Amino acid sequence: MEIKVHTRNLNLTPRLESYIDKKVERLDRYLNNITEANLELRKEGRTEQPIAQLTIRNERGLIFRVEDKKQADIYAAIDTVVDKMYRQLRRHKDKRRRNKKGGSRWSEVDAAAFAIPEEEEAPSPTEEEVAEAQVVRRKSIILAPMLEDEALEQFDMLGHDFFVFLNGETGNVNVLYKREDGNYGLLNAEQS
């Protein structure tokens, strides 16, 4: 497993680095074939609140992400994200075991939950808002082919507002998002 540590407003001391390696390497026990672990550590605000965010990826392309913003020091934040990750991996394994025994939990999802609204329009931003808007963060993603039920599972684990994936059945890029009514929407990208 490759462990990458990114820091902002924080010095990465050799002691902290060895502590991170010791803690993060333990996750290999809970999920086989972890290829990469990214740990982002930063301090924000006047109080320099420590924030830790851990993202791991395995060979199948599954992504797990946890974050902690509530601890008093950076070591406690690292402990908390590793514990949260352990619980998330355990839930994932339990879900997989249950699904193998009793079928997929997503098989009951109504097809209407994936319907894309026809005439729904977001309110147009004002010219002032457009002038002020800017890209503040860029991320690269690896599009691993997966089925819709796997994408839903990943979406729930990440806790984001949307999830981009390569549909293994159609070969198209899809975006999964949560609707206000609690159901899911699926955008299917096609080339013209």
Protein backbone atom coordinates (compact mmCIF):
# COMPACT_ATOMS: atom_id res chain seq x y z
CA MET A 1 0.00 0.00 0.00
CA GLU A 2 1.27 3.43 -0.95
CA ILE A 3 0.61 6.06 1.74
CA LYS A 4 0.57 9.67 0.59
CA VAL A 5 0.39 12.46 3.15
CA HIS A 6 -0.54 16.01 2.19
CA THR A 7 -0.27 18.80 4.75
CA ARG A 8 -1.40 22.39 4.83
CA ASN A 9 -0.46 24.85 7.59
CA LEU A 10 1.22 21.94 9.38
CA ASN A 11 4.77 20.54 9.55
CA LEU A 12 5.18 16.84 8.82
CA THR A 13 7.75 15.73 11.36
CA PRO A 14 9.45 12.31 11.20
CA ARG A 15 7.62 11.36 14.42
CA LEU A 16 4.24 12.28 12.89
CA GLU A 17 5.10 10.47 9.66
CA SER A 18 6.00 7.21 11.47
CA TYR A 19 2.81 7.52 13.55
CA ILE A 20 0.74 7.85 10.35
CA ASP A 21 2.47 4.86 8.73
CA LYS A 22 1.89 2.69 11.80
CA LYS A 23 -1.81 3.60 12.03
CA VAL A 24 -2.73 3.53 8.33
CA GLU A 25 -0.90 0.29 7.54
CA ARG A 26 -3.23 -1.52 9.97
CA LEU A 27 -6.13 -0.94 7.59
CA ASP A 28 -4.66 -3.61 5.32
CA ARG A 29 -6.04 -6.17 7.80
CA TYR A 30 -9.61 -5.06 7.15
CA LEU A 31 -9.61 -4.64 3.37
CA ASN A 32 -7.46 -6.69 1.05
CA ASN A 33 -5.56 -5.15 -1.83
CA ILE A 34 -5.49 -1.51 -0.71
CA THR A 35 -3.36 0.14 -3.35
CA GLU A 36 -3.33 3.71 -2.12
CA ALA A 37 -4.07 5.68 1.03
CA ASN A 38 -4.23 9.49 0.90
CA LEU A 39 -4.19 11.36 4.18
CA GLU A 40 -4.76 15.10 4.13
CA LEU A 41 -3.84 16.95 7.31
CA ARG A 42 -4.42 20.64 7.81
CA LYS A 43 -5.11 23.31 10.38
CA GLU A 44 -7.76 25.92 9.67
CA GLY A 45 -9.07 29.09 11.20
CA ARG A 46 -7.77 31.29 13.97
CA THR A 47 -7.91 28.42 16.44
CA GLU A 48 -5.92 26.24 14.03
CA GLN A 49 -8.45 23.44 14.26
CA PRO A 50 -6.81 20.18 13.08
CA ILE A 51 -8.62 18.44 10.25
CA ALA A 52 -7.79 14.96 8.96
CA GLN A 53 -9.25 13.38 5.81
CA LEU A 54 -8.40 9.80 4.82
CA THR A 55 -9.19 8.32 1.41
CA ILE A 56 -8.28 4.77 0.44
CA ARG A 57 -8.62 2.90 -2.84
CA ASN A 58 -8.30 -0.82 -3.53
CA GLU A 59 -7.44 -2.74 -6.71
CA ARG A 60 -11.11 -2.98 -7.76
CA GLY A 61 -11.39 0.81 -7.70
CA LEU A 62 -13.51 1.02 -4.54
CA ILE A 63 -13.01 4.33 -2.76
CA PHE A 64 -13.60 4.93 0.94
CA ARG A 65 -13.37 8.38 2.52
CA VAL A 66 -13.66 9.69 6.09
CA GLU A 67 -12.99 13.06 7.69
CA ASP A 68 -12.68 14.45 11.20
CA LYS A 69 -12.86 18.09 12.26
CA LYS A 70 -13.58 17.77 15.98
CA GLN A 71 -10.33 16.80 17.69
CA ALA A 72 -8.04 19.03 19.73
CA ASP A 73 -4.75 17.80 18.25
CA ILE A 74 -3.57 16.22 15.02
CA TYR A 75 -2.72 12.84 16.59
CA ALA A 76 -6.26 12.48 17.94
CA ALA A 77 -7.64 13.45 14.51
CA ILE A 78 -5.52 10.72 12.86
CA ASP A 79 -6.74 8.15 15.42
CA THR A 80 -10.33 9.18 14.79
CA VAL A 81 -10.17 8.94 10.98
CA VAL A 82 -8.47 5.54 11.16
CA ASP A 83 -11.18 4.30 13.57
CA LYS A 84 -13.92 5.71 11.33
CA MET A 85 -12.32 4.05 8.32
CA TYR A 86 -12.14 0.74 10.15
CA ARG A 87 -15.88 0.96 10.96
CA GLN A 88 -16.69 1.87 7.35
CA LEU A 89 -14.67 -1.07 6.03
CA ARG A 90 -16.36 -3.42 8.49
CA ARG A 91 -19.83 -2.16 7.41
CA HIS A 92 -18.82 -2.67 3.78
CA LYS A 93 -17.71 -6.25 4.43
CA ASP A 94 -20.89 -7.00 6.39
CA LYS A 95 -23.01 -5.58 3.57
CA ARG A 96 -21.18 -7.68 0.99
CA ARG A 97 -21.72 -10.82 3.09
CA ARG A 98 -25.43 -10.06 3.50
CA ASN A 99 -25.81 -9.35 -0.22
CA LYS A 100 -24.19 -12.67 -1.14
CA LYS A 101 -26.64 -14.52 1.10
CA GLY A 102 -29.85 -12.67 0.30
CA GLY A 103 -29.40 -10.75 -2.95
CA SER A 104 -28.59 -7.12 -3.54
CA ARG A 105 -30.24 -4.55 -1.31
CA TRP A 106 -30.49 -2.26 -4.35
CA SER A 107 -32.62 -4.68 -6.33
CA GLU A 108 -35.68 -3.18 -4.65
CA VAL A 109 -34.92 0.38 -5.73
CA ASP A 110 -37.64 1.63 -8.00
CA ALA A 111 -36.55 2.53 -11.53
CA ALA A 112 -38.31 5.87 -11.08
CA ALA A 113 -35.68 6.76 -8.50
CA PHE A 114 -33.20 7.01 -11.38
CA ALA A 115 -35.42 9.21 -13.51
CA ILE A 116 -33.83 12.45 -14.59
CA PRO A 117 -36.14 15.44 -14.21
CA GLU A 118 -37.21 16.75 -17.59
CA GLU A 119 -37.85 20.44 -16.99
CA GLU A 120 -36.15 21.16 -13.70
CA GLU A 121 -34.06 24.33 -13.89
CA ALA A 122 -31.71 25.76 -11.31
CA PRO A 123 -32.10 29.47 -10.63
CA SER A 124 -29.78 31.48 -12.85
CA PRO A 125 -26.91 33.12 -11.02
CA THR A 126 -26.65 36.89 -11.22
CA GLU A 127 -23.84 38.48 -13.24
CA GLU A 128 -22.14 39.46 -9.99
CA GLU A 129 -22.20 35.85 -8.74
CA VAL A 130 -20.80 34.59 -12.05
CA ALA A 131 -17.96 37.12 -11.89
CA GLU A 132 -17.09 36.04 -8.31
CA ALA A 133 -17.35 32.29 -8.87
CA GLN A 134 -14.09 30.48 -9.41
CA VAL A 135 -12.67 26.98 -9.30
CA VAL A 136 -11.11 26.60 -5.86
CA ARG A 137 -10.20 22.91 -5.96
CA ARG A 138 -9.41 20.39 -8.65
CA LYS A 139 -9.35 16.62 -8.27
CA SER A 140 -8.54 13.82 -10.63
CA ILE A 141 -10.61 10.67 -10.51
CA ILE A 142 -10.07 7.21 -11.91
CA LEU A 143 -13.16 5.88 -13.62
CA ALA A 144 -13.35 2.22 -12.71
CA PRO A 145 -16.08 0.26 -14.50
CA MET A 146 -18.84 -0.75 -12.09
CA LEU A 147 -22.52 -1.61 -12.03
CA GLU A 148 -25.17 0.80 -10.77
CA ASP A 149 -25.64 -1.05 -7.48
CA GLU A 150 -21.88 -0.89 -6.82
CA ALA A 151 -21.94 2.83 -7.64
CA LEU A 152 -24.81 3.36 -5.18
CA GLU A 153 -22.83 1.56 -2.51
CA GLN A 154 -19.76 3.70 -3.22
CA PHE A 155 -21.89 6.85 -3.25
CA ASP A 156 -23.24 6.04 0.24
CA MET A 157 -19.76 5.35 1.58
CA LEU A 158 -18.22 8.58 0.28
CA GLY A 159 -20.89 10.90 1.61
CA HIS A 160 -20.66 13.37 -1.28
CA ASP A 161 -23.56 15.03 -3.14
CA PHE A 162 -22.77 13.12 -6.33
CA PHE A 163 -20.68 10.21 -7.64
CA VAL A 164 -19.10 9.90 -11.10
CA PHE A 165 -18.45 6.39 -12.45
CA LEU A 166 -17.97 4.40 -15.64
CA ASN A 167 -21.01 2.20 -16.16
CA GLY A 168 -19.79 -1.37 -16.69
CA GLU A 169 -22.93 -2.32 -18.64
CA THR A 170 -23.13 0.62 -21.06
CA GLY A 171 -19.54 1.88 -21.11
CA ASN A 172 -20.81 5.45 -20.58
CA VAL A 173 -19.80 7.90 -17.88
CA ASN A 174 -22.64 8.27 -15.35
CA VAL A 175 -23.25 10.72 -12.51
CA LEU A 176 -25.28 9.50 -9.56
CA TYR A 177 -26.86 12.15 -7.33
CA LYS A 178 -29.27 12.33 -4.41
CA ARG A 179 -32.57 14.04 -5.10
CA GLU A 180 -34.42 16.27 -2.64
CA ASP A 181 -37.14 13.62 -2.27
CA GLY A 182 -34.54 11.15 -0.93
CA ASN A 183 -34.35 9.06 -4.11
CA TYR A 184 -31.44 8.92 -6.52
CA GLY A 185 -30.94 10.39 -9.97
CA LEU A 186 -28.64 9.05 -12.66
CA LEU A 187 -27.17 11.20 -15.43
CA ASN A 188 -25.94 9.25 -18.44
CA ALA A 189 -23.26 11.03 -20.50
CA GLU A 190 -23.38 10.28 -24.21
CA GLN A 191 -21.33 11.75 -27.03
CA SER A 192 -23.19 13.61 -29.74
